[in-house]
């Protein structure tokens, strides 16, 4: 079957803008997606079939124009190269990724860019500062069902298509305990940061052994 993208005269990633030139609104919009990225790299160190983008343009063929991307605070795609052609992506161009759309998008404020039309299965909203103003919960996971996003029950929420759960937690980061979004296993156990694992080791065994390097 011929893909829709093969029927269109679509621009390449080199021809598309790599940024929407929109500044990051606040600290959380920058920190939370990057924290989830670093945690994913720790959880899946051997896997090369995933990509997590942070504040990156996602170009697709389901919007008003292929030149108008969506730019989530964070997104996860599975079944794609972790490093595109052993290099870095300037943007995520769906028709150059075998038409693989993100399986999860994250917004750290209350926004909706029409991810249902794109076909993104999971839409996560984390709105710790303005959730009362926006009249919603500070953390909600929506799942695409019959073309509509339906809020899911479960904190953390297990996502079988991804093999991970996601939820809020208090974690130690840079010596500071703060509320963040974290990944969880199927048993609802939170994946800890490298900092937390080191601290647990020290409490149990003392100082870490010195490296030979």
N, C-alpha and C. Protein backbone atom coordinates (compact mmCIF):
# COMPACT_ATOMS: atom_id res chain seq x y z
N UNK A 1 0.84 -1.19 0.00
CA UNK A 1 0.00 0.00 0.00
C UNK A 1 0.88 1.25 0.00
N UNK A 2 0.57 2.18 -0.86
CA UNK A 2 1.34 3.41 -0.98
C UNK A 2 1.00 4.34 0.18
N UNK A 3 2.01 4.86 0.85
CA UNK A 3 1.80 5.77 1.96
C UNK A 3 1.32 7.12 1.44
N UNK A 4 0.53 7.81 2.27
CA UNK A 4 0.04 9.13 1.89
C UNK A 4 1.21 10.06 1.61
N UNK A 5 2.26 9.95 2.43
CA UNK A 5 3.40 10.85 2.28
C UNK A 5 4.11 10.66 0.94
N UNK A 6 4.00 9.44 0.36
CA UNK A 6 4.66 9.17 -0.92
C UNK A 6 3.91 9.80 -2.08
N UNK A 7 2.66 10.17 -1.87
CA UNK A 7 1.87 10.78 -2.93
C UNK A 7 2.05 12.29 -2.98
N UNK A 8 2.64 12.86 -1.95
CA UNK A 8 2.76 14.30 -1.84
C UNK A 8 4.20 14.74 -2.11
N UNK A 9 4.34 15.93 -2.60
CA UNK A 9 5.65 16.53 -2.80
C UNK A 9 6.04 17.24 -1.52
N UNK A 10 6.64 16.49 -0.61
CA UNK A 10 6.90 17.01 0.73
C UNK A 10 8.34 17.49 0.87
N UNK A 11 8.56 18.54 1.66
CA UNK A 11 9.92 19.03 1.89
C UNK A 11 10.70 18.07 2.78
N UNK A 12 12.01 18.17 2.70
CA UNK A 12 12.87 17.35 3.55
C UNK A 12 13.13 18.08 4.86
N UNK A 13 13.71 17.37 5.81
CA UNK A 13 14.00 17.98 7.11
C UNK A 13 14.98 19.14 6.97
N UNK A 14 15.89 19.07 5.96
CA UNK A 14 16.83 20.16 5.74
C UNK A 14 16.14 21.42 5.25
N UNK A 15 14.98 21.27 4.61
CA UNK A 15 14.26 22.41 4.06
C UNK A 15 13.27 23.03 5.04
N UNK A 16 13.01 22.34 6.14
CA UNK A 16 12.01 22.80 7.10
C UNK A 16 12.65 23.56 8.25
N UNK A 17 11.97 24.58 8.79
CA UNK A 17 12.49 25.28 9.97
C UNK A 17 12.63 24.31 11.13
N UNK A 18 13.71 24.44 11.89
CA UNK A 18 13.94 23.51 13.00
C UNK A 18 13.43 24.06 14.31
N UNK A 19 12.87 25.27 14.32
CA UNK A 19 12.37 25.86 15.55
C UNK A 19 11.21 26.77 15.23
N UNK A 20 10.29 26.89 16.20
CA UNK A 20 9.19 27.84 16.02
C UNK A 20 9.53 29.21 16.62
N UNK A 21 10.80 29.33 17.11
CA UNK A 21 11.28 30.59 17.67
C UNK A 21 10.44 31.09 18.84
N UNK A 22 9.78 30.18 19.52
CA UNK A 22 8.99 30.53 20.69
C UNK A 22 9.80 30.25 21.94
N UNK A 23 10.03 31.23 22.80
CA UNK A 23 10.84 30.98 23.99
C UNK A 23 10.13 30.06 24.98
N UNK A 24 10.92 29.38 25.79
CA UNK A 24 10.35 28.54 26.84
C UNK A 24 9.64 29.44 27.85
N UNK A 25 8.42 29.07 28.23
CA UNK A 25 7.61 29.93 29.08
C UNK A 25 8.06 29.95 30.53
N UNK A 26 8.48 28.82 31.05
CA UNK A 26 8.87 28.78 32.46
C UNK A 26 9.83 27.63 32.69
N UNK A 27 10.35 27.56 33.90
CA UNK A 27 11.36 26.56 34.24
C UNK A 27 10.84 25.14 34.07
N UNK A 28 9.59 24.90 34.49
CA UNK A 28 9.05 23.55 34.44
C UNK A 28 8.96 23.03 33.00
N UNK A 29 8.62 23.91 32.06
CA UNK A 29 8.50 23.47 30.67
C UNK A 29 9.84 23.02 30.11
N UNK A 30 10.91 23.51 30.66
CA UNK A 30 12.23 23.08 30.23
C UNK A 30 12.72 21.89 31.03
N UNK A 31 12.51 21.94 32.35
CA UNK A 31 13.09 20.92 33.23
C UNK A 31 12.40 19.56 33.11
N UNK A 32 11.07 19.54 33.18
CA UNK A 32 10.34 18.27 33.24
C UNK A 32 10.60 17.40 32.01
N UNK A 33 10.48 17.90 30.77
CA UNK A 33 10.74 17.03 29.62
C UNK A 33 12.17 16.51 29.59
N UNK A 34 13.14 17.36 29.96
CA UNK A 34 14.53 16.91 29.97
C UNK A 34 14.78 15.88 31.06
N UNK A 35 14.13 16.05 32.20
CA UNK A 35 14.27 15.07 33.27
C UNK A 35 13.75 13.70 32.82
N UNK A 36 12.59 13.68 32.15
CA UNK A 36 12.04 12.42 31.65
C UNK A 36 12.95 11.80 30.59
N UNK A 37 13.59 12.65 29.77
CA UNK A 37 14.53 12.14 28.77
C UNK A 37 15.71 11.45 29.42
N UNK A 38 16.34 12.12 30.39
CA UNK A 38 17.52 11.54 31.04
C UNK A 38 17.16 10.27 31.80
N UNK A 39 15.96 10.23 32.37
CA UNK A 39 15.52 9.03 33.07
C UNK A 39 15.28 7.89 32.09
N UNK A 40 14.71 8.21 30.92
CA UNK A 40 14.52 7.18 29.89
C UNK A 40 15.85 6.59 29.44
N UNK A 41 16.84 7.44 29.25
CA UNK A 41 18.16 6.96 28.84
C UNK A 41 18.75 6.04 29.89
N UNK A 42 18.42 6.25 31.14
CA UNK A 42 18.89 5.41 32.23
C UNK A 42 18.11 4.09 32.26
N UNK A 43 16.81 4.14 31.94
CA UNK A 43 15.97 2.95 31.96
C UNK A 43 16.23 2.06 30.75
N UNK A 44 16.41 2.67 29.59
CA UNK A 44 16.58 1.94 28.32
C UNK A 44 17.98 2.18 27.74
N UNK A 45 19.03 1.85 28.43
CA UNK A 45 20.37 2.18 27.92
C UNK A 45 20.76 1.40 26.67
N UNK A 46 20.21 0.21 26.50
CA UNK A 46 20.59 -0.62 25.36
C UNK A 46 19.66 -0.48 24.17
N UNK A 47 18.49 0.06 24.38
CA UNK A 47 17.52 0.18 23.29
C UNK A 47 17.89 1.33 22.36
N UNK A 48 17.77 1.07 21.07
CA UNK A 48 18.06 2.09 20.07
C UNK A 48 16.85 2.37 19.19
N UNK A 49 15.66 1.96 19.65
CA UNK A 49 14.44 2.08 18.83
C UNK A 49 13.46 3.08 19.41
N UNK A 50 13.96 4.13 20.04
CA UNK A 50 13.08 5.14 20.61
C UNK A 50 13.72 6.51 20.48
N UNK A 51 12.85 7.52 20.51
CA UNK A 51 13.34 8.90 20.47
C UNK A 51 12.43 9.76 21.32
N UNK A 52 13.05 10.58 22.18
CA UNK A 52 12.31 11.54 23.00
C UNK A 52 12.75 12.93 22.59
N UNK A 53 11.81 13.71 22.09
CA UNK A 53 12.12 15.07 21.68
C UNK A 53 11.67 16.08 22.71
N UNK A 54 12.42 17.14 22.86
CA UNK A 54 12.11 18.21 23.81
C UNK A 54 11.96 19.52 23.05
N UNK A 55 10.77 20.11 23.13
CA UNK A 55 10.49 21.40 22.48
C UNK A 55 10.93 21.37 21.02
N UNK A 56 10.62 20.30 20.33
CA UNK A 56 11.03 20.09 18.95
C UNK A 56 9.83 20.09 18.01
N UNK A 57 10.00 20.68 16.85
CA UNK A 57 8.93 20.72 15.86
C UNK A 57 8.64 19.32 15.33
N UNK A 58 7.36 18.96 15.29
CA UNK A 58 6.91 17.70 14.71
C UNK A 58 6.11 18.03 13.45
N UNK A 59 6.69 17.73 12.30
CA UNK A 59 6.02 18.01 11.02
C UNK A 59 5.22 16.78 10.59
N UNK A 60 4.01 17.01 10.13
CA UNK A 60 3.12 15.90 9.78
C UNK A 60 2.22 16.33 8.63
N UNK A 61 1.40 15.40 8.15
CA UNK A 61 0.56 15.65 6.98
C UNK A 61 -0.92 15.75 7.32
N UNK A 62 -1.23 15.91 8.61
CA UNK A 62 -2.65 15.90 9.01
C UNK A 62 -3.15 17.26 9.44
N UNK A 63 -2.33 18.29 9.33
CA UNK A 63 -2.74 19.63 9.74
C UNK A 63 -3.13 20.49 8.56
N UNK A 64 -3.18 21.79 8.80
CA UNK A 64 -3.57 22.73 7.75
C UNK A 64 -2.51 22.84 6.67
N UNK A 65 -1.25 22.58 7.04
CA UNK A 65 -0.15 22.64 6.10
C UNK A 65 0.99 21.79 6.62
N UNK A 66 1.72 21.17 5.70
CA UNK A 66 2.88 20.38 6.12
C UNK A 66 4.01 21.27 6.62
N UNK A 67 3.90 22.58 6.40
CA UNK A 67 4.91 23.51 6.86
C UNK A 67 4.61 24.03 8.27
N UNK A 68 3.46 23.65 8.82
CA UNK A 68 3.07 24.10 10.16
C UNK A 68 3.18 22.91 11.12
N UNK A 69 4.19 22.89 11.99
CA UNK A 69 4.36 21.76 12.89
C UNK A 69 3.58 21.93 14.19
N UNK A 70 3.50 20.87 14.96
CA UNK A 70 3.14 20.97 16.37
C UNK A 70 4.45 20.93 17.15
N UNK A 71 4.48 21.60 18.28
CA UNK A 71 5.72 21.68 19.06
C UNK A 71 5.41 21.38 20.51
N UNK A 72 5.26 20.10 20.86
CA UNK A 72 5.00 19.75 22.27
C UNK A 72 6.22 20.00 23.13
N UNK A 73 5.99 20.14 24.43
CA UNK A 73 7.12 20.29 25.35
C UNK A 73 7.99 19.04 25.34
N UNK A 74 7.37 17.88 25.16
CA UNK A 74 8.11 16.64 25.05
C UNK A 74 7.28 15.61 24.31
N UNK A 75 7.93 14.66 23.64
CA UNK A 75 7.20 13.59 22.97
C UNK A 75 8.08 12.35 22.84
N UNK A 76 7.41 11.20 22.80
CA UNK A 76 8.09 9.91 22.68
C UNK A 76 7.61 9.20 21.43
N UNK A 77 8.56 8.72 20.63
CA UNK A 77 8.26 7.86 19.49
C UNK A 77 8.97 6.53 19.67
N UNK A 78 8.29 5.45 19.34
CA UNK A 78 8.87 4.11 19.41
C UNK A 78 8.98 3.53 18.00
N UNK A 79 9.98 2.67 17.81
CA UNK A 79 10.17 2.04 16.51
C UNK A 79 10.89 2.93 15.52
N UNK A 80 11.61 3.92 16.03
CA UNK A 80 12.42 4.80 15.18
C UNK A 80 13.85 4.78 15.69
N UNK A 81 14.76 5.34 14.90
CA UNK A 81 16.16 5.38 15.30
C UNK A 81 16.34 6.36 16.46
N UNK A 82 17.07 5.91 17.44
CA UNK A 82 17.37 6.81 18.57
C UNK A 82 18.24 7.97 18.09
N UNK A 83 19.19 7.66 17.22
CA UNK A 83 20.01 8.68 16.60
C UNK A 83 19.81 8.57 15.10
N UNK A 84 19.14 9.53 14.50
CA UNK A 84 18.82 9.48 13.09
C UNK A 84 20.09 9.50 12.25
N UNK A 85 20.32 8.39 11.51
CA UNK A 85 21.53 8.27 10.69
C UNK A 85 22.80 8.57 11.49
N UNK A 86 22.76 8.10 12.77
CA UNK A 86 23.88 8.31 13.69
C UNK A 86 24.17 9.78 13.97
N UNK A 87 23.18 10.61 13.77
CA UNK A 87 23.35 12.04 14.04
C UNK A 87 22.18 12.56 14.84
N UNK A 88 22.04 13.87 14.89
CA UNK A 88 20.98 14.51 15.64
C UNK A 88 19.89 15.02 14.70
N UNK A 89 18.66 14.98 15.16
CA UNK A 89 17.54 15.53 14.40
C UNK A 89 17.43 17.03 14.65
N UNK A 90 17.16 17.78 13.58
CA UNK A 90 16.84 19.20 13.74
C UNK A 90 15.36 19.37 14.04
N UNK A 91 14.56 18.42 13.57
CA UNK A 91 13.13 18.38 13.83
C UNK A 91 12.67 16.94 13.60
N UNK A 92 11.44 16.65 13.97
CA UNK A 92 10.90 15.31 13.78
C UNK A 92 9.91 15.39 12.62
N UNK A 93 10.30 14.79 11.49
CA UNK A 93 9.50 14.85 10.27
C UNK A 93 8.86 13.49 10.06
N UNK A 94 7.56 13.39 10.26
CA UNK A 94 6.88 12.10 10.28
C UNK A 94 7.11 11.31 9.00
N UNK A 95 7.08 11.99 7.84
CA UNK A 95 7.24 11.25 6.58
C UNK A 95 8.68 10.78 6.35
N UNK A 96 9.62 11.22 7.17
CA UNK A 96 10.98 10.71 7.11
C UNK A 96 11.24 9.68 8.21
N UNK A 97 10.20 9.38 8.98
CA UNK A 97 10.30 8.40 10.07
C UNK A 97 9.38 7.21 9.81
N UNK A 98 9.21 6.86 8.52
CA UNK A 98 8.31 5.77 8.13
C UNK A 98 6.89 6.00 8.64
N UNK A 99 6.48 7.27 8.67
CA UNK A 99 5.14 7.66 9.09
C UNK A 99 4.82 7.28 10.53
N UNK A 100 5.85 7.15 11.36
CA UNK A 100 5.65 6.85 12.79
C UNK A 100 5.36 8.16 13.52
N UNK A 101 4.17 8.27 14.08
CA UNK A 101 3.81 9.45 14.87
C UNK A 101 4.18 9.19 16.33
N UNK A 102 4.38 10.23 17.12
CA UNK A 102 4.67 10.02 18.54
C UNK A 102 3.57 9.20 19.21
N UNK A 103 3.99 8.36 20.15
CA UNK A 103 3.02 7.56 20.90
C UNK A 103 2.56 8.31 22.15
N UNK A 104 3.32 9.32 22.54
CA UNK A 104 2.98 10.13 23.72
C UNK A 104 3.49 11.54 23.50
N UNK A 105 2.64 12.52 23.85
CA UNK A 105 3.10 13.91 23.88
C UNK A 105 2.86 14.47 25.28
N UNK A 106 3.71 15.39 25.67
CA UNK A 106 3.64 16.01 26.99
C UNK A 106 3.54 17.52 26.83
N UNK A 107 2.58 18.11 27.52
CA UNK A 107 2.49 19.56 27.62
C UNK A 107 2.54 19.93 29.11
N UNK A 108 3.39 20.88 29.45
CA UNK A 108 3.55 21.29 30.83
C UNK A 108 2.65 22.47 31.17
N UNK A 109 1.82 22.86 30.25
CA UNK A 109 0.74 23.81 30.51
C UNK A 109 -0.48 23.27 29.79
N UNK A 110 -1.62 23.92 29.96
CA UNK A 110 -2.85 23.43 29.37
C UNK A 110 -2.97 23.91 27.92
N UNK A 111 -2.58 23.06 27.00
CA UNK A 111 -2.68 23.39 25.59
C UNK A 111 -3.11 22.14 24.82
N UNK A 112 -3.69 22.34 23.67
CA UNK A 112 -4.06 21.21 22.82
C UNK A 112 -3.84 21.63 21.37
N UNK A 113 -2.86 21.00 20.76
CA UNK A 113 -2.49 21.36 19.40
C UNK A 113 -3.14 20.47 18.35
N UNK A 114 -4.17 19.76 18.72
CA UNK A 114 -4.80 18.89 17.74
C UNK A 114 -4.08 17.57 17.57
N UNK A 115 -3.59 17.02 18.69
CA UNK A 115 -2.86 15.76 18.62
C UNK A 115 -3.76 14.59 18.23
N UNK A 116 -5.07 14.72 18.45
CA UNK A 116 -5.98 13.64 18.07
C UNK A 116 -5.98 13.44 16.56
N UNK A 117 -5.93 14.54 15.80
CA UNK A 117 -5.87 14.43 14.35
C UNK A 117 -4.60 13.77 13.87
N UNK A 118 -3.54 13.99 14.60
CA UNK A 118 -2.26 13.36 14.28
C UNK A 118 -2.26 11.88 14.64
N UNK A 119 -3.13 11.51 15.59
CA UNK A 119 -3.24 10.11 15.99
C UNK A 119 -2.32 9.71 17.12
N UNK A 120 -1.94 10.68 17.95
CA UNK A 120 -1.08 10.39 19.10
C UNK A 120 -1.91 9.68 20.17
N UNK A 121 -1.53 8.45 20.58
CA UNK A 121 -2.35 7.69 21.53
C UNK A 121 -2.46 8.30 22.92
N UNK A 122 -1.36 8.86 23.45
CA UNK A 122 -1.37 9.38 24.82
C UNK A 122 -0.99 10.86 24.83
N UNK A 123 -1.80 11.64 25.52
CA UNK A 123 -1.61 13.07 25.65
C UNK A 123 -1.55 13.39 27.14
N UNK A 124 -0.39 13.83 27.61
CA UNK A 124 -0.15 14.07 29.04
C UNK A 124 -0.07 15.56 29.29
N UNK A 125 -0.84 16.03 30.26
CA UNK A 125 -0.81 17.44 30.66
C UNK A 125 -0.33 17.52 32.11
N UNK A 126 0.73 18.27 32.31
CA UNK A 126 1.26 18.53 33.66
C UNK A 126 1.23 20.03 33.85
N UNK A 127 0.36 20.50 34.73
CA UNK A 127 0.12 21.93 34.89
C UNK A 127 0.19 22.30 36.37
N UNK A 128 1.39 22.23 36.96
CA UNK A 128 1.50 22.41 38.41
C UNK A 128 1.21 23.82 38.90
N UNK A 129 1.39 24.81 38.05
CA UNK A 129 1.26 26.20 38.50
C UNK A 129 -0.12 26.79 38.25
N UNK A 130 -0.72 26.48 37.10
CA UNK A 130 -1.92 27.21 36.69
C UNK A 130 -3.15 26.31 36.52
N UNK A 131 -3.14 25.16 37.19
CA UNK A 131 -4.23 24.23 36.96
C UNK A 131 -5.56 24.77 37.51
N UNK A 132 -5.53 25.53 38.57
CA UNK A 132 -6.78 26.11 39.07
C UNK A 132 -7.31 27.16 38.10
N UNK A 133 -6.41 27.97 37.58
CA UNK A 133 -6.82 28.97 36.60
C UNK A 133 -7.40 28.31 35.35
N UNK A 134 -6.79 27.19 34.93
CA UNK A 134 -7.21 26.51 33.71
C UNK A 134 -8.33 25.51 33.95
N UNK A 135 -8.77 25.41 35.22
CA UNK A 135 -9.90 24.56 35.58
C UNK A 135 -9.70 23.10 35.17
N UNK A 136 -8.57 22.56 35.60
CA UNK A 136 -8.28 21.14 35.35
C UNK A 136 -7.41 20.62 36.47
N UNK A 137 -7.16 19.33 36.47
CA UNK A 137 -6.27 18.74 37.44
C UNK A 137 -4.82 19.08 37.08
N UNK A 138 -3.93 19.11 38.09
CA UNK A 138 -2.53 19.45 37.79
C UNK A 138 -1.80 18.40 36.98
N UNK A 139 -2.35 17.17 36.95
CA UNK A 139 -1.74 16.11 36.14
C UNK A 139 -2.84 15.22 35.60
N UNK A 140 -2.90 15.11 34.27
CA UNK A 140 -3.92 14.28 33.62
C UNK A 140 -3.28 13.56 32.44
N UNK A 141 -3.61 12.28 32.31
CA UNK A 141 -3.22 11.52 31.12
C UNK A 141 -4.47 11.19 30.33
N UNK A 142 -4.47 11.58 29.07
CA UNK A 142 -5.59 11.28 28.18
C UNK A 142 -5.17 10.19 27.20
N UNK A 143 -6.13 9.34 26.86
CA UNK A 143 -5.88 8.29 25.85
C UNK A 143 -6.85 8.50 24.70
N UNK A 144 -6.35 8.35 23.48
CA UNK A 144 -7.17 8.55 22.30
C UNK A 144 -8.10 7.35 22.10
N UNK A 145 -9.40 7.61 22.17
CA UNK A 145 -10.40 6.56 21.99
C UNK A 145 -11.48 7.07 21.04
N UNK A 146 -11.59 6.41 19.89
CA UNK A 146 -12.58 6.80 18.87
C UNK A 146 -12.46 8.26 18.48
N UNK A 147 -11.22 8.70 18.34
CA UNK A 147 -10.97 10.06 17.88
C UNK A 147 -11.06 11.13 18.94
N UNK A 148 -11.31 10.76 20.19
CA UNK A 148 -11.42 11.74 21.28
C UNK A 148 -10.48 11.35 22.41
N UNK A 149 -9.95 12.38 23.09
CA UNK A 149 -9.10 12.12 24.24
C UNK A 149 -9.94 11.96 25.50
N UNK A 150 -9.76 10.81 26.15
CA UNK A 150 -10.51 10.46 27.34
C UNK A 150 -9.56 10.40 28.53
N UNK A 151 -9.84 11.14 29.62
CA UNK A 151 -8.97 11.08 30.79
C UNK A 151 -8.94 9.68 31.38
N UNK A 152 -7.75 9.24 31.78
CA UNK A 152 -7.55 7.90 32.30
C UNK A 152 -7.43 7.91 33.81
N UNK A 153 -7.82 6.80 34.40
CA UNK A 153 -7.74 6.62 35.85
C UNK A 153 -6.51 5.79 36.17
N UNK A 154 -5.75 6.25 37.15
CA UNK A 154 -4.56 5.51 37.56
C UNK A 154 -3.41 6.46 37.81
N UNK A 155 -2.90 6.46 39.01
CA UNK A 155 -1.77 7.31 39.37
C UNK A 155 -0.76 6.49 40.15
N UNK A 156 0.29 6.03 39.52
CA UNK A 156 0.66 6.27 38.13
C UNK A 156 -0.21 5.49 37.16
N UNK A 157 -0.22 5.94 35.90
CA UNK A 157 -0.97 5.25 34.86
C UNK A 157 -0.05 4.36 34.07
N UNK A 158 -0.39 3.08 34.00
CA UNK A 158 0.39 2.12 33.21
C UNK A 158 -0.05 2.21 31.74
N UNK A 159 0.93 2.31 30.83
CA UNK A 159 0.67 2.41 29.40
C UNK A 159 1.27 1.20 28.71
N UNK A 160 0.47 0.15 28.47
CA UNK A 160 1.02 -1.11 27.96
C UNK A 160 1.69 -0.97 26.59
N UNK A 161 1.21 -0.07 25.75
CA UNK A 161 1.82 0.09 24.43
C UNK A 161 3.25 0.62 24.53
N UNK A 162 3.55 1.28 25.62
CA UNK A 162 4.88 1.84 25.83
C UNK A 162 5.73 0.95 26.72
N UNK A 163 5.07 0.24 27.62
CA UNK A 163 5.81 -0.58 28.58
C UNK A 163 6.31 0.23 29.76
N UNK A 164 5.64 1.36 30.01
CA UNK A 164 6.00 2.22 31.12
C UNK A 164 4.74 2.81 31.73
N UNK A 165 4.85 3.23 32.97
CA UNK A 165 3.81 4.03 33.59
C UNK A 165 4.34 5.43 33.79
N UNK A 166 3.44 6.37 34.01
CA UNK A 166 3.86 7.75 34.25
C UNK A 166 3.01 8.33 35.39
N UNK A 167 3.65 9.13 36.23
CA UNK A 167 2.93 9.70 37.35
C UNK A 167 3.78 10.73 38.08
N UNK A 168 3.18 11.38 39.05
CA UNK A 168 3.88 12.38 39.86
C UNK A 168 4.64 11.70 40.99
N UNK A 169 5.73 12.34 41.39
CA UNK A 169 6.51 11.82 42.51
C UNK A 169 7.38 12.93 43.06
N UNK A 170 7.84 12.75 44.29
CA UNK A 170 8.84 13.63 44.89
C UNK A 170 10.18 12.92 44.75
N UNK A 171 11.11 13.54 44.04
CA UNK A 171 12.40 12.92 43.79
C UNK A 171 13.52 13.88 44.17
N UNK A 172 14.69 13.30 44.49
CA UNK A 172 15.88 14.10 44.81
C UNK A 172 16.65 14.38 43.53
N UNK A 173 16.80 15.65 43.21
CA UNK A 173 17.48 16.06 42.00
C UNK A 173 18.40 17.22 42.34
N UNK A 174 19.69 17.00 42.16
CA UNK A 174 20.65 18.04 42.49
C UNK A 174 20.62 18.44 43.94
N UNK A 175 20.34 17.49 44.81
CA UNK A 175 20.29 17.77 46.24
C UNK A 175 19.01 18.42 46.70
N UNK A 176 18.05 18.59 45.80
CA UNK A 176 16.77 19.22 46.13
C UNK A 176 15.64 18.24 45.89
N UNK A 177 14.75 18.12 46.85
CA UNK A 177 13.58 17.27 46.66
C UNK A 177 12.46 18.11 46.07
N UNK A 178 11.92 17.63 44.93
CA UNK A 178 10.89 18.40 44.25
C UNK A 178 9.91 17.47 43.56
N UNK A 179 8.73 18.00 43.28
CA UNK A 179 7.73 17.20 42.58
C UNK A 179 8.02 17.21 41.09
N UNK A 180 8.05 16.02 40.50
CA UNK A 180 8.33 15.88 39.08
C UNK A 180 7.46 14.77 38.50
N UNK A 181 7.41 14.71 37.19
CA UNK A 181 6.84 13.53 36.52
C UNK A 181 7.92 12.47 36.42
N UNK A 182 7.53 11.22 36.67
CA UNK A 182 8.49 10.11 36.64
C UNK A 182 7.90 8.94 35.87
N UNK A 183 8.79 8.05 35.44
CA UNK A 183 8.38 6.78 34.83
C UNK A 183 8.28 5.71 35.91
N UNK A 184 7.36 4.77 35.69
CA UNK A 184 7.11 3.67 36.63
C UNK A 184 7.10 2.35 35.90
N UNK A 185 7.39 1.26 36.64
CA UNK A 185 7.27 -0.07 36.05
C UNK A 185 5.84 -0.58 36.21
N UNK A 186 5.60 -1.80 35.74
CA UNK A 186 4.24 -2.35 35.73
C UNK A 186 3.68 -2.57 37.13
N UNK A 187 4.56 -2.70 38.11
CA UNK A 187 4.13 -2.89 39.49
C UNK A 187 3.86 -1.58 40.21
N UNK A 188 4.01 -0.46 39.50
CA UNK A 188 3.79 0.83 40.12
C UNK A 188 4.99 1.34 40.91
N UNK A 189 6.15 0.73 40.68
CA UNK A 189 7.38 1.16 41.35
C UNK A 189 8.08 2.22 40.51
N UNK A 190 8.41 3.31 41.14
CA UNK A 190 9.04 4.41 40.41
C UNK A 190 10.48 4.10 40.06
N UNK A 191 10.88 4.42 38.84
CA UNK A 191 12.29 4.33 38.45
C UNK A 191 13.04 5.49 39.10
N UNK A 192 14.06 5.16 39.86
CA UNK A 192 14.79 6.19 40.58
C UNK A 192 15.88 6.82 39.72
N UNK A 193 16.27 8.01 40.13
CA UNK A 193 17.36 8.69 39.44
C UNK A 193 18.69 8.07 39.85
N UNK A 194 19.72 8.34 39.05
CA UNK A 194 21.06 7.86 39.40
C UNK A 194 21.49 8.43 40.75
N UNK A 195 21.14 9.67 41.02
CA UNK A 195 21.47 10.31 42.29
C UNK A 195 20.84 9.56 43.46
N UNK A 196 19.58 9.16 43.31
CA UNK A 196 18.90 8.44 44.38
C UNK A 196 19.50 7.06 44.59
N UNK A 197 19.89 6.39 43.50
CA UNK A 197 20.49 5.07 43.62
C UNK A 197 21.85 5.14 44.32
N UNK A 198 22.62 6.18 44.02
CA UNK A 198 23.91 6.36 44.69
C UNK A 198 23.69 6.60 46.18
N UNK A 199 22.71 7.41 46.51
CA UNK A 199 22.43 7.71 47.92
C UNK A 199 21.97 6.45 48.66
N UNK A 200 21.17 5.64 48.00
CA UNK A 200 20.73 4.38 48.62
C UNK A 200 21.93 3.48 48.88
N UNK A 201 22.85 3.41 47.92
CA UNK A 201 24.05 2.58 48.08
C UNK A 201 24.88 3.07 49.27
N UNK A 202 25.05 4.38 49.36
CA UNK A 202 25.86 4.93 50.45
C UNK A 202 25.26 4.64 51.81
N UNK A 203 23.94 4.72 51.90
CA UNK A 203 23.29 4.45 53.17
C UNK A 203 23.44 2.99 53.57
N UNK A 204 23.53 2.12 52.58
CA UNK A 204 23.60 0.69 52.87
C UNK A 204 25.02 0.18 53.02
N UNK A 205 25.93 0.67 52.17
CA UNK A 205 27.29 0.11 52.14
C UNK A 205 28.39 1.13 52.45
N UNK A 206 28.06 2.39 52.57
CA UNK A 206 29.09 3.40 52.75
C UNK A 206 29.44 4.05 51.41
N UNK A 207 30.63 4.62 51.36
CA UNK A 207 31.05 5.33 50.15
C UNK A 207 31.22 4.37 48.97
N UNK A 208 31.02 4.90 47.76
CA UNK A 208 31.23 4.12 46.56
C UNK A 208 32.70 3.80 46.38
N UNK A 209 33.04 2.62 45.82
CA UNK A 209 34.45 2.29 45.56
C UNK A 209 35.02 3.26 44.52
N UNK A 210 36.32 3.57 44.66
CA UNK A 210 36.96 4.47 43.71
C UNK A 210 37.14 3.79 42.37
N UNK A 211 37.00 4.58 41.30
CA UNK A 211 37.17 4.06 39.96
C UNK A 211 38.66 3.87 39.66
N UNK A 212 38.96 2.87 38.81
CA UNK A 212 40.34 2.62 38.40
C UNK A 212 40.80 3.62 37.34
N UNK A 213 39.83 4.33 36.73
CA UNK A 213 40.18 5.26 35.65
C UNK A 213 40.73 6.56 36.21
